[in-house]
Amino acid sequence: MPFTEICIYQVKPQKVEEFEALMFEAKSLLEKQEGLLLLRFAKRGYRIDMEQIKEGLPPLKITRIVKSA
């Protein structure tokens, strides 16, 4: 029986590089699992606002990337 799992992570701008490195490590581990049919990662270009979702409005697009020093 096929099983699908979807996870959405919201990452602080100063933690993006650390998070992406962690996901790369997780990808390596998950690809070794027996029975894996497909593994995909996607980086989104919008931010999640639960109030907008409740109101049925589309998500806000990310218009700039803020990099901290």
PDB file of N, CA and C in Angstrom:
ATOM      1  N   MET A   1       0.845  -1.180   0.000  1.00  0.00           N
ATOM      2  CA  MET A   1       0.000   0.000   0.000  1.00  0.00           C
ATOM      3  C   MET A   1       0.888   1.240   0.000  1.00  0.00           C
ATOM      4  N   PRO A   2       0.718   2.145  -0.968  1.00  0.00           N
ATOM      5  CA  PRO A   2       1.543   3.359  -1.017  1.00  0.00           C
ATOM      6  C   PRO A   2       1.248   4.284   0.166  1.00  0.00           C
ATOM      7  N   PHE A   3       2.276   4.978   0.574  1.00  0.00           N
ATOM      8  CA  PHE A   3       2.173   5.924   1.679  1.00  0.00           C
ATOM      9  C   PHE A   3       2.821   7.229   1.228  1.00  0.00           C
ATOM     10  N   THR A   4       2.145   8.341   1.444  1.00  0.00           N
ATOM     11  CA  THR A   4       2.668   9.654   1.079  1.00  0.00           C
ATOM     12  C   THR A   4       2.784  10.509   2.330  1.00  0.00           C
ATOM     13  N   GLU A   5       3.911  11.185   2.463  1.00  0.00           N
ATOM     14  CA  GLU A   5       4.109  12.098   3.585  1.00  0.00           C
ATOM     15  C   GLU A   5       4.534  13.445   3.027  1.00  0.00           C
ATOM     16  N   ILE A   6       3.869  14.494   3.456  1.00  0.00           N
ATOM     17  CA  ILE A   6       4.205  15.853   3.042  1.00  0.00           C
ATOM     18  C   ILE A   6       4.517  16.653   4.299  1.00  0.00           C
ATOM     19  N   CYS A   7       5.665  17.294   4.314  1.00  0.00           N
ATOM     20  CA  CYS A   7       6.074  18.114   5.454  1.00  0.00           C
ATOM     21  C   CYS A   7       6.377  19.522   4.956  1.00  0.00           C
ATOM     22  N   ILE A   8       5.937  20.503   5.696  1.00  0.00           N
ATOM     23  CA  ILE A   8       6.228  21.900   5.372  1.00  0.00           C
ATOM     24  C   ILE A   8       6.985  22.487   6.556  1.00  0.00           C
ATOM     25  N   TYR A   9       8.142  23.052   6.272  1.00  0.00           N
ATOM     26  CA  TYR A   9       8.963  23.664   7.314  1.00  0.00           C
ATOM     27  C   TYR A   9       9.111  25.151   7.030  1.00  0.00           C
ATOM     28  N   GLN A  10       8.946  25.956   8.031  1.00  0.00           N
ATOM     29  CA  GLN A  10       9.177  27.389   7.922  1.00  0.00           C
ATOM     30  C   GLN A  10      10.467  27.671   8.692  1.00  0.00           C
ATOM     31  N   VAL A  11      11.469  28.169   7.976  1.00  0.00           N
ATOM     32  CA  VAL A  11      12.808  28.309   8.538  1.00  0.00           C
ATOM     33  C   VAL A  11      13.174  29.784   8.650  1.00  0.00           C
ATOM     34  N   LYS A  12      13.753  30.151   9.770  1.00  0.00           N
ATOM     35  CA  LYS A  12      14.223  31.523   9.953  1.00  0.00           C
ATOM     36  C   LYS A  12      15.315  31.821   8.925  1.00  0.00           C
ATOM     37  N   PRO A  13      15.345  33.036   8.368  1.00  0.00           N
ATOM     38  CA  PRO A  13      16.332  33.370   7.337  1.00  0.00           C
ATOM     39  C   PRO A  13      17.776  33.064   7.735  1.00  0.00           C
ATOM     40  N   GLN A  14      18.129  33.276   8.995  1.00  0.00           N
ATOM     41  CA  GLN A  14      19.509  33.044   9.431  1.00  0.00           C
ATOM     42  C   GLN A  14      19.830  31.558   9.589  1.00  0.00           C
ATOM     43  N   LYS A  15      18.826  30.687   9.484  1.00  0.00           N
ATOM     44  CA  LYS A  15      19.031  29.250   9.650  1.00  0.00           C
ATOM     45  C   LYS A  15      18.886  28.458   8.343  1.00  0.00           C
ATOM     46  N   VAL A  16      18.690  29.145   7.215  1.00  0.00           N
ATOM     47  CA  VAL A  16      18.438  28.463   5.935  1.00  0.00           C
ATOM     48  C   VAL A  16      19.580  27.531   5.549  1.00  0.00           C
ATOM     49  N   GLU A  17      20.814  28.005   5.610  1.00  0.00           N
ATOM     50  CA  GLU A  17      21.954  27.171   5.211  1.00  0.00           C
ATOM     51  C   GLU A  17      22.059  25.936   6.102  1.00  0.00           C
ATOM     52  N   GLU A  18      21.886  26.106   7.390  1.00  0.00           N
ATOM     53  CA  GLU A  18      21.947  24.980   8.330  1.00  0.00           C
ATOM     54  C   GLU A  18      20.828  23.973   8.041  1.00  0.00           C
ATOM     55  N   PHE A  19      19.625  24.486   7.770  1.00  0.00           N
ATOM     56  CA  PHE A  19      18.491  23.621   7.481  1.00  0.00           C
ATOM     57  C   PHE A  19      18.705  22.842   6.181  1.00  0.00           C
ATOM     58  N   GLU A  20      19.184  23.522   5.145  1.00  0.00           N
ATOM     59  CA  GLU A  20      19.412  22.848   3.868  1.00  0.00           C
ATOM     60  C   GLU A  20      20.486  21.769   3.993  1.00  0.00           C
ATOM     61  N   ALA A  21      21.509  21.997   4.801  1.00  0.00           N
ATOM     62  CA  ALA A  21      22.539  20.983   5.039  1.00  0.00           C
ATOM     63  C   ALA A  21      21.929  19.772   5.756  1.00  0.00           C
ATOM     64  N   LEU A  22      21.055  20.041   6.706  1.00  0.00           N
ATOM     65  CA  LEU A  22      20.382  18.965   7.425  1.00  0.00           C
ATOM     66  C   LEU A  22      19.488  18.154   6.482  1.00  0.00           C
ATOM     67  N   MET A  23      18.776  18.827   5.589  1.00  0.00           N
ATOM     68  CA  MET A  23      17.908  18.138   4.632  1.00  0.00           C
ATOM     69  C   MET A  23      18.727  17.304   3.645  1.00  0.00           C
ATOM     70  N   PHE A  24      19.902  17.773   3.273  1.00  0.00           N
ATOM     71  CA  PHE A  24      20.787  17.013   2.394  1.00  0.00           C
ATOM     72  C   PHE A  24      21.217  15.719   3.096  1.00  0.00           C
ATOM     73  N   GLU A  25      21.507  15.821   4.377  1.00  0.00           N
ATOM     74  CA  GLU A  25      21.876  14.649   5.179  1.00  0.00           C
ATOM     75  C   GLU A  25      20.690  13.686   5.300  1.00  0.00           C
ATOM     76  N   ALA A  26      19.499  14.232   5.521  1.00  0.00           N
ATOM     77  CA  ALA A  26      18.297  13.404   5.628  1.00  0.00           C
ATOM     78  C   ALA A  26      18.011  12.704   4.306  1.00  0.00           C
ATOM     79  N   LYS A  27      18.234  13.396   3.203  1.00  0.00           N
ATOM     80  CA  LYS A  27      18.012  12.817   1.872  1.00  0.00           C
ATOM     81  C   LYS A  27      18.895  11.590   1.681  1.00  0.00           C
ATOM     82  N   SER A  28      20.153  11.706   2.038  1.00  0.00           N
ATOM     83  CA  SER A  28      21.082  10.586   1.914  1.00  0.00           C
ATOM     84  C   SER A  28      20.601   9.385   2.728  1.00  0.00           C
ATOM     85  N   LEU A  29      20.118   9.636   3.935  1.00  0.00           N
ATOM     86  CA  LEU A  29      19.625   8.574   4.797  1.00  0.00           C
ATOM     87  C   LEU A  29      18.339   7.954   4.243  1.00  0.00           C
ATOM     88  N   LEU A  30      17.410   8.794   3.818  1.00  0.00           N
ATOM     89  CA  LEU A  30      16.125   8.298   3.324  1.00  0.00           C
ATOM     90  C   LEU A  30      16.262   7.497   2.036  1.00  0.00           C
ATOM     91  N   GLU A  31      17.188   7.890   1.166  1.00  0.00           N
ATOM     92  CA  GLU A  31      17.373   7.175  -0.102  1.00  0.00           C
ATOM     93  C   GLU A  31      17.883   5.748   0.113  1.00  0.00           C
ATOM     94  N   LYS A  32      18.459   5.471   1.258  1.00  0.00           N
ATOM     95  CA  LYS A  32      18.965   4.133   1.570  1.00  0.00           C
ATOM     96  C   LYS A  32      17.860   3.212   2.101  1.00  0.00           C
ATOM     97  N   GLN A  33      16.695   3.778   2.425  1.00  0.00           N
ATOM     98  CA  GLN A  33      15.610   2.992   3.003  1.00  0.00           C
ATOM     99  C   GLN A  33      14.985   2.079   1.954  1.00  0.00           C
ATOM    100  N   GLU A  34      14.774   0.833   2.323  1.00  0.00           N
ATOM    101  CA  GLU A  34      14.163  -0.140   1.430  1.00  0.00           C
ATOM    102  C   GLU A  34      12.707   0.239   1.166  1.00  0.00           C
ATOM    103  N   GLY A  35      12.299   0.156  -0.072  1.00  0.00           N
ATOM    104  CA  GLY A  35      10.913   0.410  -0.434  1.00  0.00           C
ATOM    105  C   GLY A  35      10.616   1.848  -0.840  1.00  0.00           C
ATOM    106  N   LEU A  36      11.595   2.735  -0.753  1.00  0.00           N
ATOM    107  CA  LEU A  36      11.373   4.122  -1.155  1.00  0.00           C
ATOM    108  C   LEU A  36      11.157   4.183  -2.659  1.00  0.00           C
ATOM    109  N   LEU A  37      10.051   4.776  -3.073  1.00  0.00           N
ATOM    110  CA  LEU A  37       9.749   4.885  -4.493  1.00  0.00           C
ATOM    111  C   LEU A  37      10.136   6.246  -5.064  1.00  0.00           C
ATOM    112  N   LEU A  38       9.895   7.295  -4.305  1.00  0.00           N
ATOM    113  CA  LEU A  38      10.139   8.649  -4.808  1.00  0.00           C
ATOM    114  C   LEU A  38      10.389   9.578  -3.627  1.00  0.00           C
ATOM    115  N   LEU A  39      11.378  10.440  -3.771  1.00  0.00           N
ATOM    116  CA  LEU A  39      11.698  11.421  -2.740  1.00  0.00           C
ATOM    117  C   LEU A  39      11.904  12.761  -3.426  1.00  0.00           C
ATOM    118  N   ARG A  40      11.152  13.758  -3.000  1.00  0.00           N
ATOM    119  CA  ARG A  40      11.261  15.086  -3.598  1.00  0.00           C
ATOM    120  C   ARG A  40      11.370  16.135  -2.503  1.00  0.00           C
ATOM    121  N   PHE A  41      12.170  17.140  -2.769  1.00  0.00           N
ATOM    122  CA  PHE A  41      12.265  18.316  -1.904  1.00  0.00           C
ATOM    123  C   PHE A  41      11.976  19.526  -2.777  1.00  0.00           C
ATOM    124  N   ALA A  42      11.236  20.467  -2.257  1.00  0.00           N
ATOM    125  CA  ALA A  42      10.921  21.692  -2.994  1.00  0.00           C
ATOM    126  C   ALA A  42      11.122  22.883  -2.076  1.00  0.00           C
ATOM    127  N   LYS A  43      11.679  23.932  -2.631  1.00  0.00           N
ATOM    128  CA  LYS A  43      11.864  25.167  -1.876  1.00  0.00           C
ATOM    129  C   LYS A  43      10.805  26.148  -2.378  1.00  0.00           C
ATOM    130  N   ARG A  44       9.994  26.625  -1.472  1.00  0.00           N
ATOM    131  CA  ARG A  44       8.886  27.479  -1.882  1.00  0.00           C
ATOM    132  C   ARG A  44       9.275  28.948  -1.924  1.00  0.00           C
ATOM    133  N   GLY A  45       8.506  29.715  -2.685  1.00  0.00           N
ATOM    134  CA  GLY A  45       8.779  31.126  -2.823  1.00  0.00           C
ATOM    135  C   GLY A  45       7.741  31.998  -2.169  1.00  0.00           C
ATOM    136  N   TYR A  46       7.092  31.489  -1.146  1.00  0.00           N
ATOM    137  CA  TYR A  46       6.083  32.264  -0.428  1.00  0.00           C
ATOM    138  C   TYR A  46       6.127  31.881   1.041  1.00  0.00           C
ATOM    139  N   ARG A  47       5.512  32.709   1.869  1.00  0.00           N
ATOM    140  CA  ARG A  47       5.489  32.393   3.293  1.00  0.00           C
ATOM    141  C   ARG A  47       4.076  32.018   3.722  1.00  0.00           C
ATOM    142  N   ILE A  48       3.994  31.237   4.748  1.00  0.00           N
ATOM    143  CA  ILE A  48       2.713  30.737   5.223  1.00  0.00           C
ATOM    144  C   ILE A  48       2.155  31.671   6.285  1.00  0.00           C
ATOM    145  N   ASP A  49       0.916  32.077   6.099  1.00  0.00           N
ATOM    146  CA  ASP A  49       0.202  32.898   7.072  1.00  0.00           C
ATOM    147  C   ASP A  49      -1.124  32.181   7.332  1.00  0.00           C
ATOM    148  N   MET A  50      -1.254  31.557   8.496  1.00  0.00           N
ATOM    149  CA  MET A  50      -2.430  30.743   8.780  1.00  0.00           C
ATOM    150  C   MET A  50      -3.732  31.528   8.702  1.00  0.00           C
ATOM    151  N   GLU A  51      -3.709  32.803   9.036  1.00  0.00           N
ATOM    152  CA  GLU A  51      -4.928  33.613   8.953  1.00  0.00           C
ATOM    153  C   GLU A  51      -5.388  33.741   7.508  1.00  0.00           C
ATOM    154  N   GLN A  52      -4.437  33.934   6.589  1.00  0.00           N
ATOM    155  CA  GLN A  52      -4.800  34.032   5.186  1.00  0.00           C
ATOM    156  C   GLN A  52      -5.365  32.712   4.675  1.00  0.00           C
ATOM    157  N   ILE A  53      -4.781  31.611   5.107  1.00  0.00           N
ATOM    158  CA  ILE A  53      -5.259  30.302   4.687  1.00  0.00           C
ATOM    159  C   ILE A  53      -6.692  30.095   5.179  1.00  0.00           C
ATOM    160  N   LYS A  54      -6.962  30.469   6.431  1.00  0.00           N
ATOM    161  CA  LYS A  54      -8.309  30.322   6.990  1.00  0.00           C
ATOM    162  C   LYS A  54      -9.324  31.147   6.202  1.00  0.00           C
ATOM    163  N   GLU A  55      -8.886  32.309   5.698  1.00  0.00           N
ATOM    164  CA  GLU A  55      -9.781  33.185   4.939  1.00  0.00           C
ATOM    165  C   GLU A  55      -9.857  32.791   3.470  1.00  0.00           C
ATOM    166  N   GLY A  56      -9.070  31.808   3.048  1.00  0.00           N
ATOM    167  CA  GLY A  56      -9.100  31.355   1.661  1.00  0.00           C
ATOM    168  C   GLY A  56      -8.306  32.230   0.716  1.00  0.00           C
ATOM    169  N   LEU A  57      -7.435  33.085   1.252  1.00  0.00           N
ATOM    170  CA  LEU A  57      -6.632  33.970   0.421  1.00  0.00           C
ATOM    171  C   LEU A  57      -5.346  33.255  -0.021  1.00  0.00           C
ATOM    172  N   PRO A  58      -4.777  33.642  -1.170  1.00  0.00           N
ATOM    173  CA  PRO A  58      -3.532  33.014  -1.614  1.00  0.00           C
ATOM    174  C   PRO A  58      -2.364  33.418  -0.711  1.00  0.00           C
ATOM    175  N   PRO A  59      -1.290  32.616  -0.694  1.00  0.00           N
ATOM    176  CA  PRO A  59      -0.141  32.944   0.149  1.00  0.00           C
ATOM    177  C   PRO A  59       0.597  34.175  -0.355  1.00  0.00           C
ATOM    178  N   LEU A  60       1.306  34.849   0.544  1.00  0.00           N
ATOM    179  CA  LEU A  60       2.100  36.015   0.181  1.00  0.00           C
ATOM    180  C   LEU A  60       3.412  35.558  -0.450  1.00  0.00           C
ATOM    181  N   LYS A  61       3.757  36.138  -1.590  1.00  0.00           N
ATOM    182  CA  LYS A  61       5.025  35.806  -2.225  1.00  0.00           C
ATOM    183  C   LYS A  61       6.172  36.448  -1.463  1.00  0.00           C
ATOM    184  N   ILE A  62       7.306  35.760  -1.441  1.00  0.00           N
ATOM    185  CA  ILE A  62       8.500  36.323  -0.829  1.00  0.00           C
ATOM    186  C   ILE A  62       9.077  37.304  -1.838  1.00  0.00           C
ATOM    187  N   THR A  63       9.207  38.557  -1.435  1.00  0.00           N
ATOM    188  CA  THR A  63       9.658  39.574  -2.377  1.00  0.00           C
ATOM    189  C   THR A  63      11.143  39.919  -2.214  1.00  0.00           C
ATOM    190  N   ARG A  64      11.725  39.520  -1.101  1.00  0.00           N
ATOM    191  CA  ARG A  64      13.148  39.763  -0.900  1.00  0.00           C
ATOM    192  C   ARG A  64      13.694  38.749   0.090  1.00  0.00           C
ATOM    193  N   ILE A  65      14.961  38.539   0.013  1.00  0.00           N
ATOM    194  CA  ILE A  65      15.627  37.634   0.940  1.00  0.00           C
ATOM    195  C   ILE A  65      16.458  38.483   1.886  1.00  0.00           C
ATOM    196  N   VAL A  66      16.250  38.300   3.166  1.00  0.00           N
ATOM    197  CA  VAL A  66      16.978  39.059   4.177  1.00  0.00           C
ATOM    198  C   VAL A  66      18.110  38.181   4.682  1.00  0.00           C
ATOM    199  N   LYS A  67      19.330  38.617   4.506  1.00  0.00           N
ATOM    200  CA  LYS A  67      20.475  37.871   4.990  1.00  0.00           C
ATOM    201  C   LYS A  67      21.067  38.594   6.192  1.00  0.00           C
ATOM    202  N   SER A  68      21.261  37.838   7.248  1.00  0.00           N
ATOM    203  CA  SER A  68      21.860  38.439   8.428  1.00  0.00           C
ATOM    204  C   SER A  68      23.359  38.263   8.409  1.00  0.00           C
ATOM    205  N   ALA A  69      24.062  39.135   9.062  1.00  0.00           N
ATOM    206  CA  ALA A  69      25.528  39.101   9.065  1.00  0.00           C
ATOM    207  C   ALA A  69      26.069  38.022   9.947  1.00  0.00           C
TER     208      ALA A  69
END
